[in-house]
C-alpha atoms as a PDB file:
ATOM      1  CA  UNK A   1     -44.470  -0.141  12.712  1.00  0.00           C
ATOM      2  CA  UNK A   2     -42.312   2.360  15.073  1.00  0.00           C
ATOM      3  CA  UNK A   3     -43.375   1.564  18.494  1.00  0.00           C
ATOM      4  CA  UNK A   4     -45.360   4.221  20.387  1.00  0.00           C
ATOM      5  CA  UNK A   5     -47.408   4.903  23.264  1.00  0.00           C
ATOM      6  CA  UNK A   6     -51.065   6.429  22.332  1.00  0.00           C
ATOM      7  CA  UNK A   7     -53.781   7.796  23.847  1.00  0.00           C
ATOM      8  CA  UNK A   8     -57.615   7.597  22.758  1.00  0.00           C
ATOM      9  CA  UNK A   9     -60.342   9.573  23.786  1.00  0.00           C
ATOM     10  CA  UNK A  10     -64.169   8.442  23.698  1.00  0.00           C
ATOM     11  CA  UNK A  11     -66.212  10.201  20.578  1.00  0.00           C
ATOM     12  CA  UNK A  12     -69.550  10.907  22.751  1.00  0.00           C
ATOM     13  CA  UNK A  13     -67.978  13.068  25.478  1.00  0.00           C
ATOM     14  CA  UNK A  14     -68.020  16.456  23.649  1.00  0.00           C
ATOM     15  CA  UNK A  15     -71.537  15.970  22.881  1.00  0.00           C
ATOM     16  CA  UNK A  16     -72.633  15.129  26.189  1.00  0.00           C
ATOM     17  CA  UNK A  17     -70.692  17.697  27.458  1.00  0.00           C
ATOM     18  CA  UNK A  18     -72.507  20.460  25.020  1.00  0.00           C
ATOM     19  CA  UNK A  19     -75.837  18.757  26.001  1.00  0.00           C
ATOM     20  CA  UNK A  20     -75.107  19.561  30.122  1.00  0.00           C
ATOM     21  CA  UNK A  21     -74.105  22.913  29.222  1.00  0.00           C
ATOM     22  CA  UNK A  22     -77.268  23.638  27.421  1.00  0.00           C
ATOM     23  CA  UNK A  23     -79.741  21.809  29.532  1.00  0.00           C
ATOM     24  CA  UNK A  24     -77.652  24.022  32.613  1.00  0.00           C
ATOM     25  CA  UNK A  25     -78.410  27.004  30.497  1.00  0.00           C
ATOM     26  CA  UNK A  26     -81.982  26.372  30.005  1.00  0.00           C
ATOM     27  CA  UNK A  27     -83.165  26.114  33.670  1.00  0.00           C
ATOM     28  CA  UNK A  28     -81.075  29.382  34.424  1.00  0.00           C
ATOM     29  CA  UNK A  29     -82.574  30.772  31.643  1.00  0.00           C
ATOM     30  CA  UNK A  30     -86.517  29.607  32.622  1.00  0.00           C
ATOM     31  CA  UNK A  31     -85.591  31.127  36.221  1.00  0.00           C
ATOM     32  CA  UNK A  32     -84.805  34.232  34.837  1.00  0.00           C
ATOM     33  CA  UNK A  33     -87.887  34.392  32.717  1.00  0.00           C
ATOM     34  CA  UNK A  34     -90.136  33.404  35.447  1.00  0.00           C
ATOM     35  CA  UNK A  35     -88.613  35.910  37.629  1.00  0.00           C
ATOM     36  CA  UNK A  36     -89.205  39.018  35.396  1.00  0.00           C
ATOM     37  CA  UNK A  37     -92.520  37.964  34.921  1.00  0.00           C
ATOM     38  CA  UNK A  38     -93.231  38.067  38.599  1.00  0.00           C
ATOM     39  CA  UNK A  39     -91.383  41.131  39.303  1.00  0.00           C
ATOM     40  CA  UNK A  40     -93.554  42.965  36.799  1.00  0.00           C
ATOM     41  CA  UNK A  41     -97.347  42.273  37.392  1.00  0.00           C
ATOM     42  CA  UNK A  42     -99.895  44.912  37.926  1.00  0.00           C
ATOM     43  CA  UNK A  43    -101.295  44.734  41.024  1.00  0.00           C
ATOM     44  CA  UNK A  44     -99.921  42.949  44.357  1.00  0.00           C
ATOM     45  CA  UNK A  45    -102.629  40.035  44.470  1.00  0.00           C
ATOM     46  CA  UNK A  46    -101.133  39.068  41.210  1.00  0.00           C
ATOM     47  CA  UNK A  47     -97.909  39.609  42.322  1.00  0.00           C
ATOM     48  CA  UNK A  48     -97.931  37.346  45.443  1.00  0.00           C
ATOM     49  CA  UNK A  49     -99.565  34.300  43.384  1.00  0.00           C
ATOM     50  CA  UNK A  50     -97.177  34.582  40.367  1.00  0.00           C
ATOM     51  CA  UNK A  51     -94.449  34.986  43.048  1.00  0.00           C
ATOM     52  CA  UNK A  52     -95.731  31.334  44.426  1.00  0.00           C
ATOM     53  CA  UNK A  53     -95.455  30.322  41.467  1.00  0.00           C
ATOM     54  CA  UNK A  54     -91.929  31.141  40.732  1.00  0.00           C
ATOM     55  CA  UNK A  55     -90.963  30.099  43.728  1.00  0.00           C
ATOM     56  CA  UNK A  56     -92.155  26.681  43.463  1.00  0.00           C
ATOM     57  CA  UNK A  57     -90.402  26.573  39.682  1.00  0.00           C
ATOM     58  CA  UNK A  58     -87.561  28.274  40.941  1.00  0.00           C
ATOM     59  CA  UNK A  59     -87.219  25.611  43.396  1.00  0.00           C
ATOM     60  CA  UNK A  60     -87.698  22.318  40.745  1.00  0.00           C
ATOM     61  CA  UNK A  61     -85.113  24.596  38.687  1.00  0.00           C
ATOM     62  CA  UNK A  62     -82.383  24.508  41.420  1.00  0.00           C
ATOM     63  CA  UNK A  63     -83.143  20.933  41.827  1.00  0.00           C
ATOM     64  CA  UNK A  64     -82.500  20.282  37.998  1.00  0.00           C
ATOM     65  CA  UNK A  65     -79.043  22.436  38.527  1.00  0.00           C
ATOM     66  CA  UNK A  66     -78.023  20.756  40.954  1.00  0.00           C
ATOM     67  CA  UNK A  67     -78.484  17.093  39.046  1.00  0.00           C
ATOM     68  CA  UNK A  68     -76.848  18.902  36.044  1.00  0.00           C
ATOM     69  CA  UNK A  69     -73.654  20.600  37.598  1.00  0.00           C
ATOM     70  CA  UNK A  70     -72.698  17.252  38.873  1.00  0.00           C
ATOM     71  CA  UNK A  71     -73.334  15.349  35.683  1.00  0.00           C
ATOM     72  CA  UNK A  72     -71.742  17.687  33.630  1.00  0.00           C
ATOM     73  CA  UNK A  73     -68.083  17.442  36.077  1.00  0.00           C
ATOM     74  CA  UNK A  74     -68.770  13.943  35.575  1.00  0.00           C
ATOM     75  CA  UNK A  75     -68.781  13.825  31.761  1.00  0.00           C
ATOM     76  CA  UNK A  76     -65.965  16.318  32.101  1.00  0.00           C
ATOM     77  CA  UNK A  77     -63.742  14.567  34.165  1.00  0.00           C
ATOM     78  CA  UNK A  78     -64.495  11.386  31.727  1.00  0.00           C
ATOM     79  CA  UNK A  79     -63.181  13.737  28.913  1.00  0.00           C
ATOM     80  CA  UNK A  80     -60.034  14.649  30.758  1.00  0.00           C
ATOM     81  CA  UNK A  81     -58.983  11.237  32.240  1.00  0.00           C
ATOM     82  CA  UNK A  82     -60.100   8.247  30.189  1.00  0.00           C
ATOM     83  CA  UNK A  83     -58.146   6.777  27.633  1.00  0.00           C
ATOM     84  CA  UNK A  84     -56.408   3.738  25.804  1.00  0.00           C
ATOM     85  CA  UNK A  85     -52.850   3.348  25.658  1.00  0.00           C
ATOM     86  CA  UNK A  86     -51.073   1.429  23.627  1.00  0.00           C
ATOM     87  CA  UNK A  87     -47.085   0.495  23.726  1.00  0.00           C
ATOM     88  CA  UNK A  88     -45.166  -2.401  22.977  1.00  0.00           C
ATOM     89  CA  UNK A  89     -45.392  -3.581  26.473  1.00  0.00           C
ATOM     90  CA  UNK A  90     -48.745  -3.715  26.453  1.00  0.00           C
ATOM     91  CA  UNK A  91     -52.209  -1.969  27.273  1.00  0.00           C
ATOM     92  CA  UNK A  92     -53.905  -0.110  29.684  1.00  0.00           C
ATOM     93  CA  UNK A  93     -57.585   1.132  29.506  1.00  0.00           C
ATOM     94  CA  UNK A  94     -59.285   3.994  32.318  1.00  0.00           C
ATOM     95  CA  UNK A  95     -62.515   5.183  32.235  1.00  0.00           C
ATOM     96  CA  UNK A  96     -62.781   7.561  34.711  1.00  0.00           C
ATOM     97  CA  UNK A  97     -63.892   7.118  37.363  1.00  0.00           C
ATOM     98  CA  UNK A  98     -65.254   3.907  37.680  1.00  0.00           C
ATOM     99  CA  UNK A  99     -62.814   1.065  35.975  1.00  0.00           C
ATOM    100  CA  UNK A 100     -59.411   0.745  34.621  1.00  0.00           C
ATOM    101  CA  UNK A 101     -57.378  -2.025  33.711  1.00  0.00           C
ATOM    102  CA  UNK A 102     -54.146  -3.025  32.317  1.00  0.00           C
ATOM    103  CA  UNK A 103     -52.609  -6.065  30.637  1.00  0.00           C
ATOM    104  CA  UNK A 104     -49.516  -6.688  28.676  1.00  0.00           C
ATOM    105  CA  UNK A 105     -50.662  -8.012  24.690  1.00  0.00           C
ATOM    106  CA  UNK A 106     -50.360 -12.155  25.613  1.00  0.00           C
ATOM    107  CA  UNK A 107     -52.899 -11.620  28.188  1.00  0.00           C
ATOM    108  CA  UNK A 108     -55.705 -10.206  25.010  1.00  0.00           C
ATOM    109  CA  UNK A 109     -57.814 -13.562  24.647  1.00  0.00           C
ATOM    110  CA  UNK A 110     -59.940 -12.057  21.956  1.00  0.00           C
ATOM    111  CA  UNK A 111     -61.911  -9.417  20.203  1.00  0.00           C
ATOM    112  CA  UNK A 112     -66.134  -9.882  21.275  1.00  0.00           C
ATOM    113  CA  UNK A 113     -69.211  -8.038  19.512  1.00  0.00           C
ATOM    114  CA  UNK A 114     -72.040  -8.084  20.908  1.00  0.00           C
ATOM    115  CA  UNK A 115     -75.742  -6.220  21.443  1.00  0.00           C
ATOM    116  CA  UNK A 116     -76.307  -4.013  25.041  1.00  0.00           C
ATOM    117  CA  UNK A 117     -79.798  -4.675  26.255  1.00  0.00           C
ATOM    118  CA  UNK A 118     -80.904  -5.696  22.326  1.00  0.00           C
ATOM    119  CA  UNK A 119     -80.042  -2.034  20.799  1.00  0.00           C
ATOM    120  CA  UNK A 120     -76.408  -1.029  21.110  1.00  0.00           C
ATOM    121  CA  UNK A 121     -73.687  -3.080  19.628  1.00  0.00           C
ATOM    122  CA  UNK A 122     -70.809  -3.000  21.471  1.00  0.00           C
ATOM    123  CA  UNK A 123     -66.904  -4.011  20.334  1.00  0.00           C
ATOM    124  CA  UNK A 124     -64.621  -5.047  23.169  1.00  0.00           C
ATOM    125  CA  UNK A 125     -61.207  -6.751  23.840  1.00  0.00           C
ATOM    126  CA  UNK A 126     -61.613  -9.588  25.880  1.00  0.00           C
ATOM    127  CA  UNK A 127     -58.496 -10.063  28.821  1.00  0.00           C
ATOM    128  CA  UNK A 128     -57.458 -12.875  30.770  1.00  0.00           C
ATOM    129  CA  UNK A 129     -55.594 -11.497  33.225  1.00  0.00           C
ATOM    130  CA  UNK A 130     -55.596  -7.897  34.123  1.00  0.00           C
ATOM    131  CA  UNK A 131     -54.178  -5.601  36.803  1.00  0.00           C
ATOM    132  CA  UNK A 132     -56.700  -3.315  38.110  1.00  0.00           C
ATOM    133  CA  UNK A 133     -56.114   0.824  37.593  1.00  0.00           C
ATOM    134  CA  UNK A 134     -57.902   3.135  40.110  1.00  0.00           C
ATOM    135  CA  UNK A 135     -60.924   2.558  41.685  1.00  0.00           C
ATOM    136  CA  UNK A 136     -62.876  -0.679  40.532  1.00  0.00           C
ATOM    137  CA  UNK A 137     -66.377   0.827  41.326  1.00  0.00           C
ATOM    138  CA  UNK A 138     -67.916  -1.058  38.264  1.00  0.00           C
ATOM    139  CA  UNK A 139     -66.614  -4.165  38.852  1.00  0.00           C
ATOM    140  CA  UNK A 140     -67.528  -4.096  42.588  1.00  0.00           C
ATOM    141  CA  UNK A 141     -70.973  -2.946  41.192  1.00  0.00           C
ATOM    142  CA  UNK A 142     -71.394  -5.978  38.959  1.00  0.00           C
ATOM    143  CA  UNK A 143     -69.959  -8.265  41.782  1.00  0.00           C
ATOM    144  CA  UNK A 144     -72.305  -7.418  44.158  1.00  0.00           C
ATOM    145  CA  UNK A 145     -75.281  -8.019  41.567  1.00  0.00           C
ATOM    146  CA  UNK A 146     -73.533 -11.286  40.673  1.00  0.00           C
ATOM    147  CA  UNK A 147     -73.015 -10.615  37.085  1.00  0.00           C
ATOM    148  CA  UNK A 148     -69.753 -11.072  35.371  1.00  0.00           C
ATOM    149  CA  UNK A 149     -66.635  -9.626  36.034  1.00  0.00           C
ATOM    150  CA  UNK A 150     -64.407 -10.385  33.196  1.00  0.00           C
ATOM    151  CA  UNK A 151     -62.069  -7.808  32.459  1.00  0.00           C
ATOM    152  CA  UNK A 152     -62.867  -6.302  29.268  1.00  0.00           C
ATOM    153  CA  UNK A 153     -61.576  -2.422  26.951  1.00  0.00           C
ATOM    154  CA  UNK A 154     -64.693  -1.483  24.909  1.00  0.00           C
ATOM    155  CA  UNK A 155     -63.505   0.063  22.178  1.00  0.00           C
ATOM    156  CA  UNK A 156     -66.831   1.075  20.119  1.00  0.00           C
ATOM    157  CA  UNK A 157     -66.889   4.691  21.220  1.00  0.00           C
ATOM    158  CA  UNK A 158     -63.063   5.428  21.258  1.00  0.00           C
ATOM    159  CA  UNK A 159     -61.378   7.720  18.334  1.00  0.00           C
ATOM    160  CA  UNK A 160     -59.791   5.329  15.765  1.00  0.00           C
ATOM    161  CA  UNK A 161     -62.117   2.182  15.823  1.00  0.00           C
ATOM    162  CA  UNK A 162     -63.040   0.756  14.218  1.00  0.00           C
ATOM    163  CA  UNK A 163     -61.663   2.055  10.935  1.00  0.00           C
ATOM    164  CA  UNK A 164     -58.598   4.231  11.894  1.00  0.00           C
ATOM    165  CA  UNK A 165     -55.194   4.390  13.774  1.00  0.00           C
ATOM    166  CA  UNK A 166     -56.695   2.053  16.966  1.00  0.00           C
ATOM    167  CA  UNK A 167     -57.447  -0.771  14.603  1.00  0.00           C
ATOM    168  CA  UNK A 168     -53.907  -0.914  12.987  1.00  0.00           C
ATOM    169  CA  UNK A 169     -52.082  -0.871  16.148  1.00  0.00           C
ATOM    170  CA  UNK A 170     -54.154  -3.607  17.709  1.00  0.00           C
ATOM    171  CA  UNK A 171     -53.692  -5.661  14.516  1.00  0.00           C
ATOM    172  CA  UNK A 172     -49.816  -4.748  14.670  1.00  0.00           C
ATOM    173  CA  UNK A 173     -49.380  -5.356  18.722  1.00  0.00           C
ATOM    174  CA  UNK A 174     -52.136  -8.504  18.878  1.00  0.00           C
ATOM    175  CA  UNK A 175     -52.938  -9.707  15.040  1.00  0.00           C
ATOM    176  CA  UNK A 176     -54.550 -13.302  16.309  1.00  0.00           C
ATOM    177  CA  UNK A 177     -57.552 -11.174  17.963  1.00  0.00           C
ATOM    178  CA  UNK A 178     -58.364 -10.477  14.479  1.00  0.00           C
ATOM    179  CA  UNK A 179     -58.507 -14.029  13.102  1.00  0.00           C
ATOM    180  CA  UNK A 180     -60.677 -15.740  15.690  1.00  0.00           C
ATOM    181  CA  UNK A 181     -64.103 -15.878  15.781  1.00  0.00           C
ATOM    182  CA  UNK A 182     -65.822 -13.563  18.194  1.00  0.00           C
ATOM    183  CA  UNK A 183     -66.543 -14.819  21.907  1.00  0.00           C
END
């Protein structure tokens, strides 16, 4: 197998970004619809009460939009700047903006499958030692809350996992992780 550096991106990014865009468009459409209703009322008394209603709902819509836009930017940033890079030297994982690690192949302890909140299955690489890459927001929060802080690389949402080129590259560079039972 020819040694190369690979980049993988989370699969769910496109769906989340589309959801955010649809949500923002819905809020904007509701605001526009309410404005049309308010301005087309028959008399001044009805206009005034409808305008109050529109003003209140517009405020709620604006607050919703304020929440949707940053989350859309966060999701877009995650799509653009998150990756798993593998090379003959080792592996580097970045989940923008909150977590990133780099290690050599011998520092990969194993492959673990676990349930998150009893609902979702997560497969991850456990690391003996890793060098931090970028801000460590996730690890800082975990330390403050008294939770475990073992470095790991989640594989579940990455393209090429569990069947595909990501698995084949891991099997090539770190075959021993597939021989061990889940940690």
